[in-house]
Protein backbone atom coordinates (compact mmCIF):
# COMPACT_ATOMS: atom_id res chain seq x y z
CA MET A 1 0.17 -0.27 -0.40
CA LYS A 2 1.60 3.21 -1.06
CA ILE A 3 0.79 6.52 1.53
CA ASP A 4 0.77 10.07 -0.75
CA LEU A 5 1.62 13.30 1.18
CA ASP A 6 -2.20 14.56 0.99
CA THR A 7 -2.50 11.19 3.53
CA ILE A 8 1.27 11.99 6.01
CA LYS A 9 -0.59 15.62 5.98
CA LYS A 10 -3.72 14.82 7.67
CA ILE A 11 -2.46 12.10 10.16
CA SER A 12 0.00 14.96 10.97
CA HIS A 13 -2.35 17.38 11.65
CA LEU A 14 -4.61 14.55 13.43
CA ALA A 15 -1.64 13.58 15.77
CA ARG A 16 -0.57 17.45 16.27
CA LEU A 17 2.94 16.80 14.46
CA GLU A 18 4.89 19.31 12.32
CA PHE A 19 7.14 17.88 9.47
CA ASP A 20 9.17 19.46 6.68
CA ALA A 21 9.46 18.35 3.06
CA GLU A 22 12.44 16.02 4.36
CA SER A 23 11.06 14.46 7.36
CA ALA A 24 7.50 14.33 5.47
CA ASP A 25 9.11 12.52 2.87
CA LYS A 26 10.55 9.80 5.26
CA MET A 27 7.51 9.39 7.58
CA LYS A 28 6.29 8.61 4.29
CA LYS A 29 8.26 5.63 3.36
CA ASP A 30 8.19 4.19 6.50
CA MET A 31 4.32 4.21 7.12
CA THR A 32 4.62 2.41 3.91
CA GLN A 33 6.55 -0.26 5.30
CA ILE A 34 4.60 -0.71 8.20
CA LEU A 35 1.41 -0.87 5.96
CA ASP A 36 3.09 -3.67 3.61
CA TRP A 37 3.90 -5.22 6.25
CA VAL A 38 0.63 -5.34 7.71
CA GLU A 39 -0.34 -6.93 4.37
CA GLN A 40 1.57 -9.84 4.27
CA LEU A 41 0.00 -10.94 7.67
CA ASN A 42 -3.37 -11.40 5.59
CA GLU A 43 -1.40 -13.82 3.89
CA VAL A 44 -1.17 -15.99 6.64
CA ASP A 45 -3.75 -18.97 7.19
CA THR A 46 -5.76 -18.45 10.13
CA THR A 47 -8.57 -20.94 10.02
CA GLY A 48 -9.47 -22.55 13.40
CA VAL A 49 -7.05 -20.21 15.28
CA GLU A 50 -9.18 -18.47 18.24
CA PRO A 51 -9.24 -14.30 18.45
CA LEU A 52 -7.08 -13.63 21.59
CA THR A 53 -8.32 -11.29 24.28
CA THR A 54 -5.21 -11.31 25.86
CA MET A 55 -1.94 -12.22 25.49
CA SER A 56 -1.41 -13.85 28.51
CA SER A 57 -2.64 -16.82 29.62
CA GLU A 58 -2.66 -15.62 33.79
CA VAL A 59 -5.04 -14.93 35.73
CA ASN A 60 -5.93 -12.92 39.08
CA VAL A 61 -5.71 -14.47 41.71
CA MET A 62 -8.04 -12.08 44.56
CA ARG A 63 -8.42 -12.55 47.66
CA GLU A 64 -11.12 -12.32 49.72
CA ASP A 65 -11.68 -8.95 51.37
CA VAL A 66 -11.25 -9.09 55.12
CA THR A 67 -11.02 -6.54 57.62
CA GLY A 68 -8.27 -6.01 59.92
CA GLU A 69 -7.41 -4.53 63.14
CA HIS A 70 -8.16 -0.39 62.81
CA LEU A 71 -6.90 2.46 64.11
CA SER A 72 -9.49 4.36 66.80
CA HIS A 73 -10.02 7.60 65.68
CA GLU A 74 -7.67 9.41 68.95
CA ALA A 75 -5.37 7.05 67.26
CA GLY A 76 -5.44 8.59 63.96
CA LEU A 77 -5.33 12.17 65.39
CA LYS A 78 -2.43 11.54 67.90
CA ASN A 79 0.53 12.46 66.13
CA ALA A 80 -1.03 15.07 63.65
CA PRO A 81 0.70 18.19 63.54
CA GLN A 82 -2.37 20.66 64.19
CA ARG A 83 -5.88 18.96 64.71
CA ASP A 84 -9.10 20.34 65.93
CA ALA A 85 -11.61 18.12 68.66
CA ASP A 86 -12.54 16.07 65.45
CA TYR A 87 -10.28 16.69 62.36
CA PHE A 88 -7.11 17.15 61.14
CA ARG A 89 -6.00 20.98 60.52
CA VAL A 90 -4.34 22.18 57.63
CA PRO A 91 -3.98 24.87 55.65
CA LYS A 92 -6.30 26.79 53.65
CA VAL A 93 -5.57 26.28 50.16
CA LEU A 94 -9.01 27.93 48.64
CA GLU A 95 -9.54 31.88 49.64
């Protein structure tokens, strides 16, 4: 498959890329090579081959969500640099 300079200009506009004439010509050659290689894949016989949803056969192993030991309210606020009766005090972010 051949790619012309108009196609390169459209792709570069969509990708927000800028090419000078020399770089655009090199990009045209490179993209033509890539598309030629992809077209070669059409020649491979894939009858009976299942489509893949993932490249790995590993399965996520999920553990049960079990509650554990928790900090008490007082222990959580114990080392706070500044605190109010029940809350952390932090510098004001918005005016």
